[in-house]
Amino acid sequence: MPSSPKNKASGRQFFYKPHTERLLMKQNKVSEQVSSDVQSLKHEQVRRLNEKKYKLLLGRISQAEKERDAVKQISEISTFTITPKSPSGQAEATAVVLASDWHYEERVKSQDVNGLNKFDIPIANERIKQFFTATARMIDVFSKDIKIPHLVLALLGDFISNDIHDELVEINQRTPIDAVIEVQNLIASGIEFLLKNYKGDVLVVCHDGNHSRTTKKQRNATESGHSLEFFMYHGIAGHFKGNKRIKFLISASYHSYVKVYDQTIRFHHGHNIKYQGGIGGVFIPAFKAISQWNKGHHADLDCFGHFHQQRDGGNFLLNGSLIGYNAYALSIKAEFEKPKQTFFLVDKRRGKTVTTPICFDI
């Protein structure tokens, strides 16, 4: 007998209820398992993070212990006595001072070089005084530790600017002859100061520069014969004639050579080193020129000026200038440098040692 709809409905309800409950139970178990896995993953991540922190802390503790042990060792200082040593009877050096590129009568206006420099005759006079007093002071300082029985004063030229260019005629404050006379008196006064304040012998090495020429273009074989500075040097030498403590070496050649202990020093103005600019500066042309000159007459050290830059090239010393930065240097994009001259020592056993600039307060 067919069942009624109600009975059919109740039959379906009776048949599907257990299946639905089982499905829900499975879903709940999966959800619970996922939640459990998520919690386990979180706990594992926390555990790993704590483990990293623990290792990091252990490392820091270990480093701190090492530093602590190192500090303990440093704090345990062991000293020994240093006894001052008086200058040995064999310790000896010759002082050498380079003077060049004063350009005495040339004016440099501050506005022409963006305030980087200023130069006129009163400033030049003051810088020249400081040059000689600084030379004597440096000899006195180094004489406390080593005997300095000899001084080489190298006069390397371009003490005047002269009127070799039209622009110089406009900006110079003295005519060439007047400028040479004033420079001659200043150098002679400086040498007299050195002789009074220094007890050793003095050798004055003299070279004319390219600015003191009386010709329009530079000469080679007859350069000194057309040089106002060459004439000036002979005048200064005559002033000190008869003084046994001072000698003059006035070379008509481009080079002069002076033997200082076992070192040969070659002096010149520097204008025969051809440099037209470049990244390497004057070093490369200087090395090339020195290499060629050494094939004829070897020198251990070259001393020269001309480039208005103080540099120690190892086998050469390039002197700075007294005038400092000017409009011409600015126009050729020369490296800025304050006015400087150069003082150095030639040790009897070690060769060239102390090299220091002479700087100026004005």
Protein backbone atom coordinates (compact mmCIF):
# COMPACT_ATOMS: atom_id res chain seq x y z
CA MET A 1 0.00 0.00 0.00
CA PRO A 2 1.47 3.32 -1.08
CA SER A 3 2.65 5.61 1.66
CA SER A 4 1.18 9.00 2.15
CA PRO A 5 3.24 12.19 1.40
CA LYS A 6 3.57 12.77 5.04
CA ASN A 7 4.97 9.34 5.54
CA LYS A 8 7.24 9.88 2.54
CA ALA A 9 8.46 13.12 3.96
CA SER A 10 9.05 11.56 7.31
CA GLY A 11 10.85 8.74 5.59
CA ARG A 12 13.22 11.09 3.78
CA GLN A 13 13.84 12.93 7.00
CA PHE A 14 14.55 9.69 8.79
CA PHE A 15 16.90 8.56 5.93
CA TYR A 16 18.98 11.84 5.43
CA LYS A 17 19.44 13.07 8.99
CA PRO A 18 22.21 10.69 10.00
CA HIS A 19 24.12 11.41 6.71
CA THR A 20 23.95 15.20 7.22
CA GLU A 21 25.13 14.95 10.80
CA ARG A 22 28.07 12.82 9.76
CA LEU A 23 28.98 15.35 7.04
CA LEU A 24 28.80 18.20 9.52
CA MET A 25 30.93 16.28 11.98
CA LYS A 26 33.58 15.70 9.31
CA GLN A 27 33.55 19.35 8.40
CA ASN A 28 33.92 20.33 12.04
CA LYS A 29 36.81 17.92 12.45
CA VAL A 30 38.56 19.37 9.35
CA SER A 31 38.00 22.89 10.64
CA GLU A 32 39.33 21.92 14.04
CA GLN A 33 42.34 20.26 12.40
CA VAL A 34 43.05 23.37 10.29
CA SER A 35 42.80 25.56 13.38
CA SER A 36 45.10 23.19 15.20
CA ASP A 37 47.57 23.21 12.30
CA VAL A 38 47.47 27.01 12.16
CA GLN A 39 48.15 27.18 15.87
CA SER A 40 50.98 24.66 15.51
CA LEU A 41 52.47 26.71 12.65
CA LYS A 42 52.27 29.86 14.74
CA HIS A 43 53.93 28.12 17.65
CA GLU A 44 56.66 26.81 15.30
CA GLN A 45 57.26 30.29 13.92
CA VAL A 46 57.44 31.70 17.43
CA ARG A 47 59.81 28.91 18.42
CA ARG A 48 62.12 29.59 15.47
CA LEU A 49 62.05 33.32 16.11
CA ASN A 50 62.90 32.76 19.76
CA GLU A 51 65.67 30.42 18.71
CA LYS A 52 67.16 33.10 16.42
CA LYS A 53 66.88 35.67 19.20
CA TYR A 54 68.56 33.26 21.56
CA LYS A 55 71.44 32.63 19.16
CA LEU A 56 71.79 36.37 18.57
CA LEU A 57 71.89 37.05 22.28
CA LEU A 58 74.43 34.29 22.77
CA GLY A 59 76.61 35.87 20.06
CA ARG A 60 76.36 39.29 21.68
CA ILE A 61 77.18 37.85 25.07
CA SER A 62 80.19 36.07 23.61
CA GLN A 63 81.36 39.28 21.88
CA ALA A 64 80.88 41.26 25.09
CA GLU A 65 82.96 38.72 26.98
CA LYS A 66 85.74 38.99 24.38
CA GLU A 67 85.68 42.78 24.59
CA ARG A 68 85.72 42.60 28.37
CA ASP A 69 88.75 40.30 28.27
CA ALA A 70 90.47 42.62 25.76
CA VAL A 71 89.81 45.63 27.99
CA LYS A 72 91.35 43.75 30.91
CA GLN A 73 94.45 43.06 28.83
CA ILE A 74 94.68 46.69 27.63
CA SER A 75 94.30 47.99 31.17
CA GLU A 76 97.33 45.96 32.17
CA ILE A 77 99.89 48.45 30.72
CA SER A 78 103.55 47.62 30.79
CA THR A 79 105.84 50.63 30.28
CA PHE A 80 109.54 51.17 29.73
CA THR A 81 111.69 54.24 30.18
CA ILE A 82 112.62 56.41 27.19
CA THR A 83 115.79 58.39 27.75
CA PRO A 84 116.13 61.63 25.73
CA LYS A 85 119.04 61.38 23.32
CA SER A 86 121.16 64.43 22.73
CA PRO A 87 122.21 65.17 19.14
CA SER A 88 125.02 62.88 18.09
CA GLY A 89 128.30 64.32 16.92
CA GLN A 90 127.74 62.51 13.61
CA ALA A 91 124.16 63.76 13.10
CA GLU A 92 124.36 66.50 10.51
CA ALA A 93 122.25 68.07 7.78
CA THR A 94 122.38 70.93 5.31
CA ALA A 95 119.43 73.30 5.12
CA VAL A 96 118.20 74.32 1.67
CA VAL A 97 115.66 77.07 1.05
CA LEU A 98 114.14 77.86 -2.35
CA ALA A 99 113.21 81.41 -3.34
CA SER A 100 111.57 82.09 -6.69
CA ASP A 101 108.65 83.65 -8.54
CA TRP A 102 108.26 86.71 -6.35
CA HIS A 103 107.06 88.94 -9.27
CA TYR A 104 107.78 91.83 -6.97
CA GLU A 105 106.28 94.81 -8.82
CA GLU A 106 103.18 93.11 -10.23
CA ARG A 107 99.82 94.10 -8.72
CA VAL A 108 97.06 91.56 -8.09
CA LYS A 109 93.70 93.13 -7.31
CA SER A 110 91.37 91.14 -5.10
CA GLN A 111 88.41 91.64 -7.45
CA ASP A 112 90.38 90.17 -10.36
CA VAL A 113 90.66 86.76 -8.64
CA ASN A 114 87.33 86.63 -6.77
CA GLY A 115 88.94 87.59 -3.47
CA LEU A 116 91.37 84.65 -3.46
CA ASN A 117 94.49 86.81 -3.31
CA LYS A 118 95.82 90.34 -3.16
CA PHE A 119 99.36 91.48 -3.95
CA ASP A 120 101.18 94.79 -4.16
CA ILE A 121 104.59 96.15 -3.15
CA PRO A 122 103.79 96.63 0.59
CA ILE A 123 102.47 93.04 0.74
CA ALA A 124 105.52 91.81 -1.19
CA ASN A 125 107.87 93.56 1.26
CA GLU A 126 106.15 91.94 4.23
CA ARG A 127 106.18 88.46 2.68
CA ILE A 128 109.87 88.77 1.85
CA LYS A 129 110.64 89.69 5.48
CA GLN A 130 108.62 86.68 6.64
CA PHE A 131 110.50 84.46 4.19
CA PHE A 132 113.89 85.26 5.72
CA THR A 133 112.71 85.22 9.33
CA ALA A 134 110.94 81.86 8.78
CA THR A 135 114.13 80.43 7.26
CA ALA A 136 116.16 81.40 10.32
CA ARG A 137 113.46 80.10 12.67
CA MET A 138 113.28 76.70 10.94
CA ILE A 139 117.05 76.30 11.10
CA ASP A 140 116.92 77.13 14.80
CA VAL A 141 114.14 74.60 15.43
CA PHE A 142 115.85 71.71 13.64
CA SER A 143 119.26 72.61 15.09
CA LYS A 144 118.01 71.46 18.47
CA ASP A 145 118.21 67.84 17.26
CA ILE A 146 120.83 67.91 14.53
CA LYS A 147 123.81 70.02 13.54
CA ILE A 148 123.18 72.27 10.53
CA PRO A 149 126.55 73.79 9.59
CA HIS A 150 125.57 74.74 6.03
CA LEU A 151 122.74 76.64 4.36
CA VAL A 152 122.01 76.72 0.64
CA LEU A 153 119.91 79.72 -0.41
CA ALA A 154 118.68 79.00 -3.93
CA LEU A 155 117.57 82.13 -5.82
CA LEU A 156 115.76 80.58 -8.78
CA GLY A 157 114.51 83.55 -10.73
CA ASP A 158 111.40 85.51 -11.72
CA PHE A 159 111.87 87.92 -8.85
CA ILE A 160 110.41 90.61 -11.10
CA SER A 161 107.58 90.41 -13.63
CA ASN A 162 109.22 92.87 -16.08
CA ASP A 163 107.27 94.37 -19.00
CA ILE A 164 107.60 91.40 -21.38
CA HIS A 165 103.82 91.45 -21.95
CA ASP A 166 101.63 94.45 -22.74
CA GLU A 167 99.34 93.71 -19.82
CA LEU A 168 102.26 93.77 -17.37
CA VAL A 169 103.12 97.31 -18.50
CA GLU A 170 99.65 98.33 -17.31
CA ILE A 171 99.56 96.54 -13.95
CA ASN A 172 103.19 96.70 -12.78
CA GLN A 173 103.93 99.23 -10.03
CA ARG A 174 107.59 99.75 -10.93
CA THR A 175 109.66 99.91 -14.09
CA PRO A 176 111.92 96.88 -14.59
CA ILE A 177 115.12 98.65 -13.46
CA ASP A 178 113.47 100.16 -10.38
CA ALA A 179 112.00 96.75 -9.51
CA VAL A 180 115.37 95.02 -9.83
CA ILE A 181 117.05 97.62 -7.60
CA GLU A 182 114.43 97.18 -4.87
CA VAL A 183 114.57 93.37 -5.05
CA GLN A 184 118.38 93.49 -4.95
CA ASN A 185 118.26 95.54 -1.74
CA LEU A 186 115.65 93.23 -0.19
CA ILE A 187 117.63 90.07 -0.95
CA ALA A 188 120.86 91.63 0.33
CA SER A 189 119.08 92.67 3.52
CA GLY A 190 117.69 89.17 3.95
CA ILE A 191 121.12 87.59 3.53
CA GLU A 192 122.57 89.97 6.12
CA PHE A 193 119.77 88.93 8.49
CA LEU A 194 120.61 85.25 7.96
CA LEU A 195 124.31 85.82 8.56
CA LYS A 196 123.51 87.54 11.86
CA ASN A 197 121.03 84.92 13.05
CA TYR A 198 122.71 81.77 11.71
CA LYS A 199 126.25 80.73 12.59
CA GLY A 200 126.97 78.39 9.66
CA ASP A 201 128.24 78.93 6.13
CA VAL A 202 125.93 80.10 3.34
CA LEU A 203 126.03 79.17 -0.34
CA VAL A 204 123.84 81.31 -2.59
CA VAL A 205 122.88 79.55 -5.85
CA CYS A 206 121.61 82.01 -8.47
CA HIS A 207 119.51 81.43 -11.61
CA ASP A 208 117.64 83.92 -13.73
CA GLY A 209 114.07 83.24 -14.82
CA ASN A 210 112.26 83.84 -18.08
CA HIS A 211 110.59 87.08 -16.91
CA SER A 212 113.78 89.08 -16.31
CA ARG A 213 114.92 88.98 -19.96
CA THR A 214 115.58 92.15 -21.94
CA THR A 215 114.62 90.45 -25.22
CA LYS A 216 111.13 89.96 -26.58
CA LYS A 217 111.57 86.20 -26.91
CA GLN A 218 113.44 83.75 -24.72
CA ARG A 219 117.04 83.07 -25.70
CA ASN A 220 118.95 79.84 -25.06
CA ALA A 221 122.71 80.23 -25.46
CA THR A 222 122.70 83.92 -24.54
CA GLU A 223 119.86 83.92 -22.01
CA SER A 224 121.93 85.05 -19.00
CA GLY A 225 123.54 87.81 -21.06
CA HIS A 226 120.10 89.38 -21.55
CA SER A 227 118.88 88.93 -17.97
CA LEU A 228 118.36 91.72 -15.43
CA GLU A 229 118.46 89.13 -12.65
CA PHE A 230 121.85 87.79 -13.77
CA PHE A 231 123.16 91.35 -13.49
CA MET A 232 121.45 91.73 -10.08
CA TYR A 233 123.09 88.58 -8.69
CA HIS A 234 126.56 89.90 -9.49
CA GLY A 235 125.69 93.10 -7.68
CA ILE A 236 124.61 91.20 -4.56
CA ALA A 237 127.74 89.02 -4.69
CA GLY A 238 129.88 92.15 -4.87
CA HIS A 239 128.17 93.52 -1.76
CA PHE A 240 129.32 90.49 0.26
CA LYS A 241 132.79 90.26 -1.25
CA GLY A 242 135.36 89.48 1.42
CA ASN A 243 132.90 87.72 3.77
CA LYS A 244 134.37 84.25 4.20
CA ARG A 245 131.10 82.74 5.44
CA ILE A 246 129.24 83.23 2.18
CA LYS A 247 129.83 82.08 -1.39
CA PHE A 248 127.91 82.70 -4.60
CA LEU A 249 127.33 80.31 -7.48
CA ILE A 250 126.04 82.36 -10.41
CA SER A 251 125.60 80.04 -13.36
CA ALA A 252 125.51 81.28 -16.94
CA SER A 253 124.17 77.86 -17.89
CA TYR A 254 120.55 76.82 -17.52
CA HIS A 255 121.62 74.29 -14.85
CA SER A 256 123.94 74.39 -11.87
CA TYR A 257 125.01 71.38 -9.80
CA VAL A 258 125.78 71.39 -6.09
CA LYS A 259 127.19 68.40 -4.21
CA VAL A 260 125.65 68.11 -0.74
CA TYR A 261 127.35 65.19 1.03
CA ASP A 262 126.84 62.29 -1.40
CA GLN A 263 123.77 63.91 -3.04
CA THR A 264 123.93 65.94 -6.25
CA ILE A 265 121.30 68.68 -6.50
CA ARG A 266 120.50 70.30 -9.83
CA PHE A 267 119.11 73.86 -9.67
CA HIS A 268 117.31 75.77 -12.46
CA HIS A 269 114.34 78.08 -12.90
CA GLY A 270 112.11 75.46 -14.57
CA HIS A 271 111.01 77.25 -17.75
CA ASN A 272 112.68 74.66 -20.00
CA ILE A 273 110.26 72.02 -18.69
CA LYS A 274 107.46 72.29 -21.22
CA TYR A 275 104.00 71.85 -19.74
CA GLN A 276 100.84 72.83 -21.61
CA GLY A 277 98.31 71.50 -19.14
CA GLY A 278 97.03 67.99 -18.57
CA ILE A 279 95.61 65.68 -15.92
CA GLY A 280 99.04 64.57 -14.69
CA GLY A 281 100.11 68.14 -13.98
CA VAL A 282 103.77 69.05 -14.19
CA PHE A 283 104.88 65.63 -12.92
CA ILE A 284 105.01 63.84 -16.28
CA PRO A 285 106.92 66.56 -18.21
CA ALA A 286 109.24 66.99 -15.21
CA PHE A 287 110.01 63.27 -15.06
CA LYS A 288 110.70 63.23 -18.82
CA ALA A 289 113.01 66.25 -18.69
CA ILE A 290 114.91 64.95 -15.64
CA SER A 291 115.37 61.56 -17.30
CA GLN A 292 116.94 63.18 -20.36
CA TRP A 293 119.16 65.54 -18.34
CA ASN A 294 120.38 62.65 -16.18
CA LYS A 295 121.80 60.95 -19.25
CA GLY A 296 124.33 63.76 -19.52
CA HIS A 297 124.87 64.68 -15.85
CA HIS A 298 123.10 62.68 -13.17
CA ALA A 299 121.44 64.46 -10.26
CA ASP A 300 119.71 62.92 -7.25
CA LEU A 301 117.34 65.87 -6.88
CA ASP A 302 116.09 68.72 -9.09
CA CYS A 303 114.98 72.02 -7.56
CA PHE A 304 113.08 74.53 -9.69
CA GLY A 305 110.16 76.96 -9.72
CA HIS A 306 108.34 78.71 -12.58
CA PHE A 307 104.98 76.88 -12.25
CA HIS A 308 103.81 78.63 -9.04
CA GLN A 309 102.91 75.26 -7.49
CA GLN A 310 104.70 73.64 -4.56
CA ARG A 311 105.13 69.91 -5.17
CA ASP A 312 107.40 67.13 -3.91
CA GLY A 313 107.93 64.70 -6.79
CA GLY A 314 110.42 62.49 -4.98
CA ASN A 315 113.38 63.21 -7.24
CA PHE A 316 112.34 66.84 -7.69
CA LEU A 317 111.07 69.74 -5.58
CA LEU A 318 108.90 72.33 -7.30
CA ASN A 319 108.80 75.67 -5.52
CA GLY A 320 105.68 77.78 -5.04
CA SER A 321 105.43 81.53 -5.55
CA LEU A 322 105.47 84.68 -3.43
CA ILE A 323 102.90 86.53 -5.56
CA GLY A 324 100.30 83.77 -5.30
CA TYR A 325 97.19 83.38 -7.45
CA ASN A 326 96.68 86.02 -10.14
CA ALA A 327 94.43 86.74 -13.12
CA TYR A 328 96.71 84.84 -15.49
CA ALA A 329 96.54 81.70 -13.31
CA LEU A 330 92.76 82.02 -13.25
CA SER A 331 92.58 82.37 -17.03
CA ILE A 332 94.63 79.21 -17.72
CA LYS A 333 92.62 77.28 -15.09
CA ALA A 334 95.68 76.71 -12.91
CA GLU A 335 95.09 75.01 -9.59
CA PHE A 336 94.63 77.52 -6.77
CA GLU A 337 97.46 77.66 -4.27
CA LYS A 338 98.33 80.14 -1.57
CA PRO A 339 101.74 81.87 -1.66
CA LYS A 340 104.48 79.44 -0.58
CA GLN A 341 108.24 78.93 -0.70
CA THR A 342 110.10 75.75 0.23
CA PHE A 343 112.50 74.71 3.01
CA PHE A 344 114.07 71.26 3.30
CA LEU A 345 116.95 69.37 4.88
CA VAL A 346 119.52 67.09 3.28
CA ASP A 347 120.65 64.65 5.95
CA LYS A 348 124.26 63.52 5.85
CA ARG A 349 123.27 59.85 5.89
CA ARG A 350 119.66 59.79 4.67
CA GLY A 351 119.51 62.38 1.90
CA LYS A 352 116.41 64.60 1.58
CA THR A 353 114.34 64.34 4.73
CA VAL A 354 112.27 67.21 6.11
CA THR A 355 110.40 69.20 3.44
CA THR A 356 108.11 71.99 4.57
CA PRO A 357 106.43 75.03 3.03
CA ILE A 358 107.10 78.58 4.13
CA CYS A 359 103.68 80.20 4.33
CA PHE A 360 102.74 83.84 4.86
CA ASP A 361 100.39 85.73 7.17
CA ILE A 362 99.56 88.39 4.62
